[in-house]
Amino acid sequence: MIVDTVRIPYKGYGQTLRICSVSDMHEGHVNQDESALRQTLSQEDCYFTFNGDNWDSIVLADRRYHKSMDRTVGDAILDEIFESMFYKLKPVANRILWIHRGNHEDVILRRFGTDLTARLCKELGTLYAGYSSLIGVICHKTGKGGGGVRSVDFRCHHGWGGGCRTIGSVITKYSHDVKYWDADVYVYGHDHALHSVPIPRGRRANKKLLADDKHIILSGTYLRTYTDTTDASWHETKGFPLTKIGSPVINITPTAHKWVKITVDTQ
């Protein structure tokens, strides 16, 4: 598990810092909504984190492989999808805070001894956060006076389990994890769900009672559930519901007297 910090500058109290948490892109799969992904990555006023299953990375030796689901054209499937992902993320490399790997990359690591995510992070010059992490986002005020340091803790995990069919079941699964980690924002992928739930939390500041929410965030996907041909995806054969394509955006607004305000957009 990676424990680390990253720093984000801001100009003054009231400025909102936006962090887009991208998950389950499944680069190389024919059902990837590439247009939606490019639109997400085209945002100029936000930072990015990536929460695993960045590649579909299912190759011929994998029993799950279907030629009809493979977008690549050459024999070197892993090399091809690595390069296509690198060129998609390169324009935003200086705004990437960290990148996780997911279960799809983990299979490649275990079977073939190569870590696609580690290679990508090295090429982009960003933090490799492994499969799970506890990372402090340190917001620091720039310019005259400086100071104004605000720390927001993120507990991130790619996710686990065989796949849930309702938002409620996904939230319930990960709500148990919240009990064991002290953080402000909890981000999970894997289930291809896009949702956010605030959990009220009371805390003491000197002799005052403050109410700050914890946030459980399901970080979405860019893999469509159903194909538009007679070739069926794995999710289609299992009867999974339609997925909402996109990524949540975490808004962090440092304030003068109350730490920060956190809201999450999932639309």
Protein backbone atom coordinates (compact mmCIF):
# COMPACT_ATOMS: atom_id res chain seq x y z
CA MET A 1 0.00 0.00 0.00
CA ILE A 2 1.38 3.40 -0.99
CA VAL A 3 1.37 6.16 1.65
CA ASP A 4 2.45 9.51 0.25
CA THR A 5 1.59 13.17 -0.27
CA VAL A 6 1.13 15.41 -3.30
CA ARG A 7 0.99 19.20 -3.36
CA ILE A 8 -1.46 21.50 -5.18
CA PRO A 9 -1.05 25.29 -5.18
CA TYR A 10 -3.97 27.72 -4.92
CA LYS A 11 -4.11 31.50 -5.07
CA GLY A 12 -6.45 32.30 -2.22
CA TYR A 13 -9.33 31.19 0.00
CA GLY A 14 -12.47 30.49 -1.97
CA GLN A 15 -10.67 29.12 -5.03
CA THR A 16 -11.96 25.66 -5.95
CA LEU A 17 -9.47 22.95 -6.86
CA ARG A 18 -10.94 20.22 -9.08
CA ILE A 19 -9.69 16.63 -9.09
CA CYS A 20 -11.16 14.27 -11.70
CA SER A 21 -10.90 10.61 -10.63
CA VAL A 22 -10.76 8.48 -13.79
CA SER A 23 -11.24 4.73 -13.55
CA ASP A 24 -11.74 1.60 -15.64
CA MET A 25 -10.84 3.06 -19.04
CA HIS A 26 -10.16 -0.42 -20.49
CA GLU A 27 -7.91 0.86 -23.25
CA GLY A 28 -7.85 -1.58 -26.18
CA HIS A 29 -11.43 -2.86 -25.78
CA VAL A 30 -13.78 -2.20 -28.71
CA ASN A 31 -16.50 -1.09 -26.31
CA GLN A 32 -14.44 1.75 -24.81
CA ASP A 33 -16.25 5.08 -25.20
CA GLU A 34 -13.20 6.83 -26.58
CA SER A 35 -15.06 10.03 -27.35
CA ALA A 36 -16.24 10.43 -23.74
CA LEU A 37 -12.74 9.68 -22.44
CA ARG A 38 -11.18 12.32 -24.68
CA GLN A 39 -13.78 14.82 -23.53
CA THR A 40 -12.92 14.10 -19.88
CA LEU A 41 -9.20 14.46 -20.53
CA SER A 42 -9.76 17.72 -22.40
CA GLN A 43 -10.73 19.52 -19.17
CA GLU A 44 -8.18 22.27 -18.64
CA ASP A 45 -9.07 23.42 -15.13
CA CYS A 46 -8.59 20.22 -13.14
CA TYR A 47 -6.11 17.65 -11.91
CA PHE A 48 -6.42 13.92 -12.60
CA THR A 49 -6.04 10.65 -10.72
CA PHE A 50 -6.45 7.20 -12.27
CA ASN A 51 -7.91 4.32 -10.30
CA GLY A 52 -6.96 1.18 -12.22
CA ASP A 53 -8.07 -1.01 -15.12
CA ASN A 54 -6.53 1.63 -17.32
CA TRP A 55 -6.08 -1.09 -19.94
CA ASP A 56 -8.31 -4.02 -20.80
CA SER A 57 -5.06 -6.01 -21.27
CA ILE A 58 -6.74 -9.33 -22.10
CA VAL A 59 -4.44 -11.19 -24.49
CA LEU A 60 -4.61 -14.43 -26.47
CA ALA A 61 -3.29 -16.54 -23.60
CA ASP A 62 -6.18 -15.40 -21.39
CA ARG A 63 -9.30 -17.60 -21.38
CA ARG A 64 -11.39 -14.41 -21.38
CA TYR A 65 -9.98 -13.33 -24.75
CA HIS A 66 -12.41 -12.70 -27.61
CA LYS A 67 -11.07 -11.42 -30.92
CA SER A 68 -14.27 -9.40 -31.43
CA MET A 69 -13.57 -7.41 -28.23
CA ASP A 70 -9.93 -6.61 -29.14
CA ARG A 71 -9.43 -3.21 -30.77
CA THR A 72 -5.72 -3.72 -31.45
CA VAL A 73 -4.49 -4.55 -34.94
CA GLY A 74 -1.03 -6.07 -34.39
CA ASP A 75 0.39 -9.08 -32.58
CA ALA A 76 2.05 -7.02 -29.83
CA ILE A 77 -1.19 -6.29 -28.00
CA LEU A 78 0.37 -5.01 -24.76
CA ASP A 79 2.84 -2.73 -26.56
CA GLU A 80 0.08 -1.32 -28.71
CA ILE A 81 -2.29 -0.51 -25.87
CA PHE A 82 0.55 0.88 -23.77
CA GLU A 83 1.47 3.37 -26.48
CA SER A 84 -2.12 4.40 -27.16
CA MET A 85 -2.69 5.11 -23.45
CA PHE A 86 0.60 6.97 -23.13
CA TYR A 87 -0.29 9.35 -25.96
CA LYS A 88 -3.75 9.97 -24.51
CA LEU A 89 -2.35 10.94 -21.10
CA LYS A 90 0.80 12.74 -22.20
CA PRO A 91 -0.96 16.11 -22.79
CA VAL A 92 -2.17 16.17 -19.15
CA ALA A 93 0.91 14.60 -17.56
CA ASN A 94 1.75 17.71 -15.52
CA ARG A 95 -1.71 17.60 -13.93
CA ILE A 96 -1.76 13.89 -13.02
CA LEU A 97 -1.46 13.42 -9.24
CA TRP A 98 -1.16 9.63 -9.20
CA ILE A 99 -2.06 6.44 -11.10
CA HIS A 100 -3.25 3.10 -9.69
CA ARG A 101 -3.27 -0.31 -11.32
CA GLY A 102 -6.34 -2.54 -11.32
CA ASN A 103 -7.11 -6.24 -11.50
CA HIS A 104 -6.71 -6.31 -15.30
CA GLU A 105 -3.15 -4.97 -15.06
CA ASP A 106 -2.54 -7.24 -12.07
CA VAL A 107 -3.23 -10.33 -14.19
CA ILE A 108 -0.59 -9.20 -16.69
CA LEU A 109 1.87 -8.52 -13.88
CA ARG A 110 1.39 -11.97 -12.32
CA ARG A 111 1.34 -13.99 -15.54
CA PHE A 112 3.87 -12.19 -17.68
CA GLY A 113 6.05 -10.28 -15.24
CA THR A 114 5.56 -6.79 -16.67
CA ASP A 115 3.97 -3.84 -14.88
CA LEU A 116 2.24 -1.63 -17.44
CA THR A 117 1.27 0.97 -14.84
CA ALA A 118 4.80 1.32 -13.45
CA ARG A 119 6.11 1.82 -16.99
CA LEU A 120 3.44 4.43 -17.69
CA CYS A 121 4.16 6.37 -14.49
CA LYS A 122 7.89 6.36 -15.26
CA GLU A 123 7.28 7.70 -18.77
CA LEU A 124 4.86 10.38 -17.56
CA GLY A 125 6.87 11.29 -14.46
CA THR A 126 3.99 10.79 -12.04
CA LEU A 127 3.38 8.94 -8.75
CA TYR A 128 2.70 5.20 -9.04
CA ALA A 129 0.13 4.47 -6.33
CA GLY A 130 0.01 0.67 -6.64
CA TYR A 131 -3.28 -1.16 -6.04
CA SER A 132 -4.33 0.92 -3.04
CA SER A 133 -3.12 4.07 -1.34
CA LEU A 134 -3.50 6.59 1.44
CA ILE A 135 -2.44 9.94 0.00
CA GLY A 136 -2.56 13.40 1.49
CA VAL A 137 -3.38 16.17 -0.97
CA ILE A 138 -1.60 19.22 0.47
CA CYS A 139 -3.23 22.44 -0.74
CA HIS A 140 -0.87 25.39 -0.18
CA LYS A 141 -1.54 29.06 -0.80
CA THR A 142 0.85 30.88 -3.10
CA GLY A 143 1.66 34.54 -3.55
CA LYS A 144 1.89 37.23 -0.92
CA GLY A 145 1.67 35.91 2.63
CA GLY A 146 1.75 32.23 1.69
CA GLY A 147 0.52 29.84 4.37
CA GLY A 148 -3.05 28.62 4.21
CA VAL A 149 -2.03 24.96 4.13
CA ARG A 150 -4.97 22.55 3.95
CA SER A 151 -4.53 18.77 3.92
CA VAL A 152 -7.19 16.43 2.48
CA ASP A 153 -6.62 12.68 2.89
CA PHE A 154 -7.60 10.27 0.10
CA ARG A 155 -8.10 6.52 0.68
CA CYS A 156 -8.08 4.95 -2.80
CA HIS A 157 -8.47 1.32 -3.82
CA HIS A 158 -9.17 -0.13 -7.25
CA GLY A 159 -11.91 -2.28 -5.70
CA TRP A 160 -12.71 -5.94 -5.18
CA GLY A 161 -15.40 -8.57 -5.60
CA GLY A 162 -17.08 -10.22 -8.55
CA GLY A 163 -19.17 -7.24 -9.59
CA CYS A 164 -22.34 -5.83 -8.06
CA ARG A 165 -25.55 -5.14 -9.95
CA THR A 166 -26.98 -2.24 -7.93
CA ILE A 167 -25.52 1.02 -6.61
CA GLY A 168 -26.74 0.14 -3.11
CA SER A 169 -24.83 -3.13 -3.02
CA VAL A 170 -21.64 -1.40 -4.18
CA ILE A 171 -21.94 1.35 -1.56
CA THR A 172 -22.64 -1.23 1.15
CA LYS A 173 -19.57 -3.24 0.15
CA TYR A 174 -17.21 -0.30 0.42
CA SER A 175 -18.86 1.36 3.42
CA HIS A 176 -17.29 -1.34 5.61
CA ASP A 177 -13.84 -0.27 4.39
CA VAL A 178 -14.46 3.29 5.60
CA LYS A 179 -14.53 2.05 9.21
CA TYR A 180 -10.87 1.03 9.08
CA TRP A 181 -9.21 4.06 7.48
CA ASP A 182 -9.01 7.68 8.59
CA ALA A 183 -9.53 9.78 5.47
CA ASP A 184 -11.76 12.49 4.04
CA VAL A 185 -12.32 11.06 0.56
CA TYR A 186 -12.67 7.35 -0.28
CA VAL A 187 -12.43 6.37 -3.95
CA TYR A 188 -13.22 2.92 -5.40
CA GLY A 189 -13.31 1.60 -8.96
CA HIS A 190 -13.79 -1.90 -10.40
CA ASP A 191 -17.60 -2.00 -10.29
CA HIS A 192 -18.12 0.41 -13.22
CA ALA A 193 -20.44 2.53 -11.07
CA LEU A 194 -20.52 6.32 -10.92
CA HIS A 195 -21.88 7.66 -7.65
CA SER A 196 -21.02 9.62 -4.52
CA VAL A 197 -22.36 9.41 -0.98
CA PRO A 198 -21.52 11.92 1.78
CA ILE A 199 -21.36 10.57 5.33
CA PRO A 200 -21.82 13.19 8.08
CA ARG A 201 -18.92 13.37 10.52
CA GLY A 202 -18.57 15.49 13.66
CA ARG A 203 -15.19 16.66 14.89
CA ARG A 204 -13.71 19.02 17.45
CA ALA A 205 -11.78 22.19 16.65
CA ASN A 206 -10.63 23.72 19.95
CA LYS A 207 -13.97 24.20 21.77
CA LYS A 208 -16.13 24.17 18.65
CA LEU A 209 -18.04 21.33 17.04
CA LEU A 210 -17.55 21.16 13.28
CA ALA A 211 -19.46 18.94 10.87
CA ASP A 212 -17.47 17.72 7.87
CA ASP A 213 -18.63 14.98 5.55
CA LYS A 214 -16.64 11.94 4.54
CA HIS A 215 -17.23 11.07 0.88
CA ILE A 216 -17.52 7.56 -0.59
CA ILE A 217 -16.95 7.84 -4.34
CA LEU A 218 -17.46 5.21 -7.05
CA SER A 219 -15.23 6.35 -9.86
CA GLY A 220 -17.09 5.28 -13.00
CA THR A 221 -15.94 3.68 -16.25
CA TYR A 222 -15.49 4.25 -19.97
CA LEU A 223 -16.44 0.71 -20.96
CA ARG A 224 -19.93 0.35 -22.40
CA THR A 225 -21.81 -2.73 -21.21
CA TYR A 226 -23.41 -3.72 -24.50
CA THR A 227 -22.10 -3.95 -28.06
CA ASP A 228 -24.00 -2.86 -31.17
CA THR A 229 -23.29 -6.12 -33.01
CA THR A 230 -24.07 -9.80 -32.56
CA ASP A 231 -20.74 -10.14 -30.72
CA ALA A 232 -21.52 -10.03 -27.00
CA SER A 233 -19.25 -8.52 -24.35
CA TRP A 234 -18.53 -10.42 -21.14
CA HIS A 235 -20.78 -8.01 -19.21
CA GLU A 236 -23.58 -8.59 -21.70
CA THR A 237 -23.40 -12.37 -21.33
CA LYS A 238 -23.64 -11.97 -17.56
CA GLY A 239 -26.67 -9.66 -17.77
CA PHE A 240 -25.08 -6.62 -16.12
CA PRO A 241 -27.08 -3.37 -16.26
CA LEU A 242 -26.11 -0.44 -18.45
CA THR A 243 -23.23 1.60 -17.11
CA LYS A 244 -23.08 5.36 -16.73
CA ILE A 245 -20.04 6.56 -18.64
CA GLY A 246 -17.86 9.24 -17.06
CA SER A 247 -15.83 10.25 -14.01
CA PRO A 248 -16.57 12.04 -10.72
CA VAL A 249 -14.99 15.43 -10.07
CA ILE A 250 -13.97 16.20 -6.48
CA ASN A 251 -14.17 19.91 -5.69
CA ILE A 252 -11.94 21.14 -2.85
CA THR A 253 -12.39 24.76 -1.75
CA PRO A 254 -10.00 25.98 0.98
CA THR A 255 -11.70 28.36 3.41
CA ALA A 256 -10.28 30.85 5.89
CA HIS A 257 -11.83 29.42 9.05
CA LYS A 258 -13.26 25.98 8.33
CA TRP A 259 -10.50 23.92 6.71
CA VAL A 260 -12.01 23.12 3.25
CA LYS A 261 -15.36 22.55 1.64
CA ILE A 262 -15.66 19.33 -0.37
CA THR A 263 -18.34 18.56 -2.95
CA VAL A 264 -18.47 15.86 -5.62
CA ASP A 265 -19.95 16.12 -9.13
CA THR A 266 -21.07 12.86 -10.76
CA GLN A 267 -22.98 14.27 -13.71
